[in-house]
C-alpha atoms as a PDB file:
ATOM      1  CA  MET A   1     -26.947  47.817 101.939  1.00  0.00           C
ATOM      2  CA  GLU A   2     -28.666  45.760 104.619  1.00  0.00           C
ATOM      3  CA  HIS A   3     -26.819  43.147 106.589  1.00  0.00           C
ATOM      4  CA  ILE A   4     -28.013  39.991 108.254  1.00  0.00           C
ATOM      5  CA  ILE A   5     -28.073  40.367 112.018  1.00  0.00           C
ATOM      6  CA  PHE A   6     -26.800  37.323 113.883  1.00  0.00           C
ATOM      7  CA  HIS A   7     -28.062  37.015 117.462  1.00  0.00           C
ATOM      8  CA  HIS A   8     -25.876  35.289 120.027  1.00  0.00           C
ATOM      9  CA  ASN A   9     -26.193  35.302 123.823  1.00  0.00           C
ATOM     10  CA  GLY A  10     -28.347  38.426 123.838  1.00  0.00           C
ATOM     11  CA  LYS A  11     -26.093  40.427 121.525  1.00  0.00           C
ATOM     12  CA  GLU A  12     -26.493  41.351 117.881  1.00  0.00           C
ATOM     13  CA  TYR A  13     -23.719  41.064 115.319  1.00  0.00           C
ATOM     14  CA  ALA A  14     -23.984  42.454 111.782  1.00  0.00           C
ATOM     15  CA  VAL A  15     -22.801  39.918 109.212  1.00  0.00           C
ATOM     16  CA  TYR A  16     -20.852  41.763 106.535  1.00  0.00           C
ATOM     17  CA  ASP A  17     -19.442  38.762 104.708  1.00  0.00           C
ATOM     18  CA  ALA A  18     -20.818  35.244 105.035  1.00  0.00           C
ATOM     19  CA  LEU A  19     -18.598  32.308 104.234  1.00  0.00           C
ATOM     20  CA  THR A  20     -18.982  30.470 100.954  1.00  0.00           C
ATOM     21  CA  LEU A  21     -20.164  26.883 100.854  1.00  0.00           C
ATOM     22  CA  ASP A  22     -16.622  25.702 100.082  1.00  0.00           C
ATOM     23  CA  GLU A  23     -15.228  27.681 103.020  1.00  0.00           C
ATOM     24  CA  ILE A  24     -17.806  26.199 105.379  1.00  0.00           C
ATOM     25  CA  LYS A  25     -16.938  22.689 104.196  1.00  0.00           C
ATOM     26  CA  THR A  26     -13.221  23.428 104.592  1.00  0.00           C
ATOM     27  CA  ILE A  27     -13.726  24.658 108.155  1.00  0.00           C
ATOM     28  CA  MET A  28     -15.732  21.524 108.934  1.00  0.00           C
ATOM     29  CA  LYS A  29     -12.936  19.306 107.545  1.00  0.00           C
ATOM     30  CA  MET A  30     -10.261  21.269 109.403  1.00  0.00           C
ATOM     31  CA  SER A  31     -12.226  20.976 112.630  1.00  0.00           C
ATOM     32  CA  ASP A  32     -12.675  17.228 112.196  1.00  0.00           C
ATOM     33  CA  GLU A  33      -8.965  16.819 111.434  1.00  0.00           C
ATOM     34  CA  ARG A  34      -7.944  18.886 114.468  1.00  0.00           C
ATOM     35  CA  ASP A  35     -10.313  16.866 116.675  1.00  0.00           C
ATOM     36  CA  ARG A  36      -8.845  13.630 115.327  1.00  0.00           C
ATOM     37  CA  LYS A  37      -5.279  14.753 116.069  1.00  0.00           C
ATOM     38  CA  LEU A  38      -6.057  16.038 119.563  1.00  0.00           C
ATOM     39  CA  ASN A  39      -4.516  14.013 122.358  1.00  0.00           C
ATOM     40  CA  PRO A  40      -6.087  15.405 125.545  1.00  0.00           C
ATOM     41  CA  LEU A  41      -3.436  13.712 127.674  1.00  0.00           C
ATOM     42  CA  ASN A  42      -0.641  15.574 125.902  1.00  0.00           C
ATOM     43  CA  SER A  43      -0.364  19.218 126.992  1.00  0.00           C
ATOM     44  CA  LYS A  44       1.500  20.219 123.813  1.00  0.00           C
ATOM     45  CA  SER A  45      -1.260  18.702 121.656  1.00  0.00           C
ATOM     46  CA  THR A  46      -3.947  20.441 123.700  1.00  0.00           C
ATOM     47  CA  ARG A  47      -2.151  23.806 123.564  1.00  0.00           C
ATOM     48  CA  LYS A  48      -1.723  23.514 119.763  1.00  0.00           C
ATOM     49  CA  TYR A  49      -5.412  22.577 119.388  1.00  0.00           C
ATOM     50  CA  PHE A  50      -6.575  25.692 121.222  1.00  0.00           C
ATOM     51  CA  GLU A  51      -4.041  27.962 119.493  1.00  0.00           C
ATOM     52  CA  ASP A  52      -5.316  26.749 116.114  1.00  0.00           C
ATOM     53  CA  THR A  53      -8.912  27.159 117.286  1.00  0.00           C
ATOM     54  CA  ASP A  54      -8.276  30.731 118.408  1.00  0.00           C
ATOM     55  CA  LYS A  55      -6.597  31.626 115.094  1.00  0.00           C
ATOM     56  CA  MET A  56      -9.574  30.288 113.146  1.00  0.00           C
ATOM     57  CA  VAL A  57     -12.038  32.059 115.448  1.00  0.00           C
ATOM     58  CA  ALA A  58     -10.236  35.392 115.035  1.00  0.00           C
ATOM     59  CA  ALA A  59     -10.177  34.998 111.242  1.00  0.00           C
ATOM     60  CA  ILE A  60     -13.921  34.280 111.155  1.00  0.00           C
ATOM     61  CA  LEU A  61     -14.753  37.228 113.422  1.00  0.00           C
ATOM     62  CA  ARG A  62     -12.545  39.605 111.411  1.00  0.00           C
ATOM     63  CA  ARG A  63     -13.983  38.587 108.084  1.00  0.00           C
ATOM     64  CA  CYS A  64     -17.646  37.902 108.775  1.00  0.00           C
ATOM     65  CA  PHE A  65     -18.327  40.545 111.423  1.00  0.00           C
ATOM     66  CA  ARG A  66     -15.521  42.951 110.435  1.00  0.00           C
ATOM     67  CA  MET A  67     -14.195  43.032 113.976  1.00  0.00           C
ATOM     68  CA  THR A  68     -10.886  44.639 114.770  1.00  0.00           C
ATOM     69  CA  ASP A  69      -8.238  42.901 116.864  1.00  0.00           C
ATOM     70  CA  SER A  70      -9.159  45.254 119.705  1.00  0.00           C
ATOM     71  CA  GLN A  71     -12.838  44.307 119.500  1.00  0.00           C
ATOM     72  CA  ILE A  72     -11.942  40.630 119.406  1.00  0.00           C
ATOM     73  CA  SER A  73      -9.655  40.903 122.422  1.00  0.00           C
ATOM     74  CA  ASP A  74     -12.430  42.688 124.349  1.00  0.00           C
ATOM     75  CA  ILE A  75     -14.549  39.529 124.103  1.00  0.00           C
ATOM     76  CA  GLU A  76     -13.797  36.778 126.599  1.00  0.00           C
ATOM     77  CA  GLN A  77     -11.975  33.853 124.985  1.00  0.00           C
ATOM     78  CA  SER A  78     -14.735  31.310 125.637  1.00  0.00           C
ATOM     79  CA  GLU A  79     -17.350  33.750 124.299  1.00  0.00           C
ATOM     80  CA  ARG A  80     -15.318  34.286 121.096  1.00  0.00           C
ATOM     81  CA  ARG A  81     -15.139  30.544 120.552  1.00  0.00           C
ATOM     82  CA  SER A  82     -18.842  30.169 121.297  1.00  0.00           C
ATOM     83  CA  LEU A  83     -19.779  32.986 118.895  1.00  0.00           C
ATOM     84  CA  ALA A  84     -17.722  31.566 116.020  1.00  0.00           C
ATOM     85  CA  SER A  85     -18.992  28.045 116.666  1.00  0.00           C
ATOM     86  CA  ALA A  86     -22.628  29.167 116.775  1.00  0.00           C
ATOM     87  CA  PHE A  87     -22.143  31.159 113.563  1.00  0.00           C
ATOM     88  CA  ILE A  88     -20.617  28.164 111.767  1.00  0.00           C
ATOM     89  CA  ARG A  89     -23.500  25.954 112.969  1.00  0.00           C
ATOM     90  CA  PHE A  90     -25.936  28.598 111.688  1.00  0.00           C
ATOM     91  CA  LEU A  91     -24.240  28.664 108.275  1.00  0.00           C
ATOM     92  CA  LYS A  92     -24.152  24.859 108.120  1.00  0.00           C
ATOM     93  CA  SER A  93     -27.862  24.691 108.870  1.00  0.00           C
ATOM     94  CA  ALA A  94     -28.729  27.501 106.457  1.00  0.00           C
ATOM     95  CA  ASN A  95     -26.852  25.669 103.701  1.00  0.00           C
ATOM     96  CA  GLY A  96     -28.293  22.248 104.505  1.00  0.00           C
ATOM     97  CA  LEU A  97     -24.952  20.715 105.499  1.00  0.00           C
END
């Protein structure tokens, strides 16, 4: 079975399982809700925002790219976030959202 290859920052990632339209919409709503609740002047709020972001990023990388926890931890935190964000933007665009 052939897989879509997603290119990001000069690297290639095989997509084993793309998100459904409902999942993409849910992630978009969750992201908007988290952004709305974020208080950048409150360190606890900021810490919770990034913890939630990192959990979502790890879940996306595990599912869509079939990455292990070890592979995920080998990627710099900002790069993980960037990869997941770019992939979600790609899926949104591909689905006309």
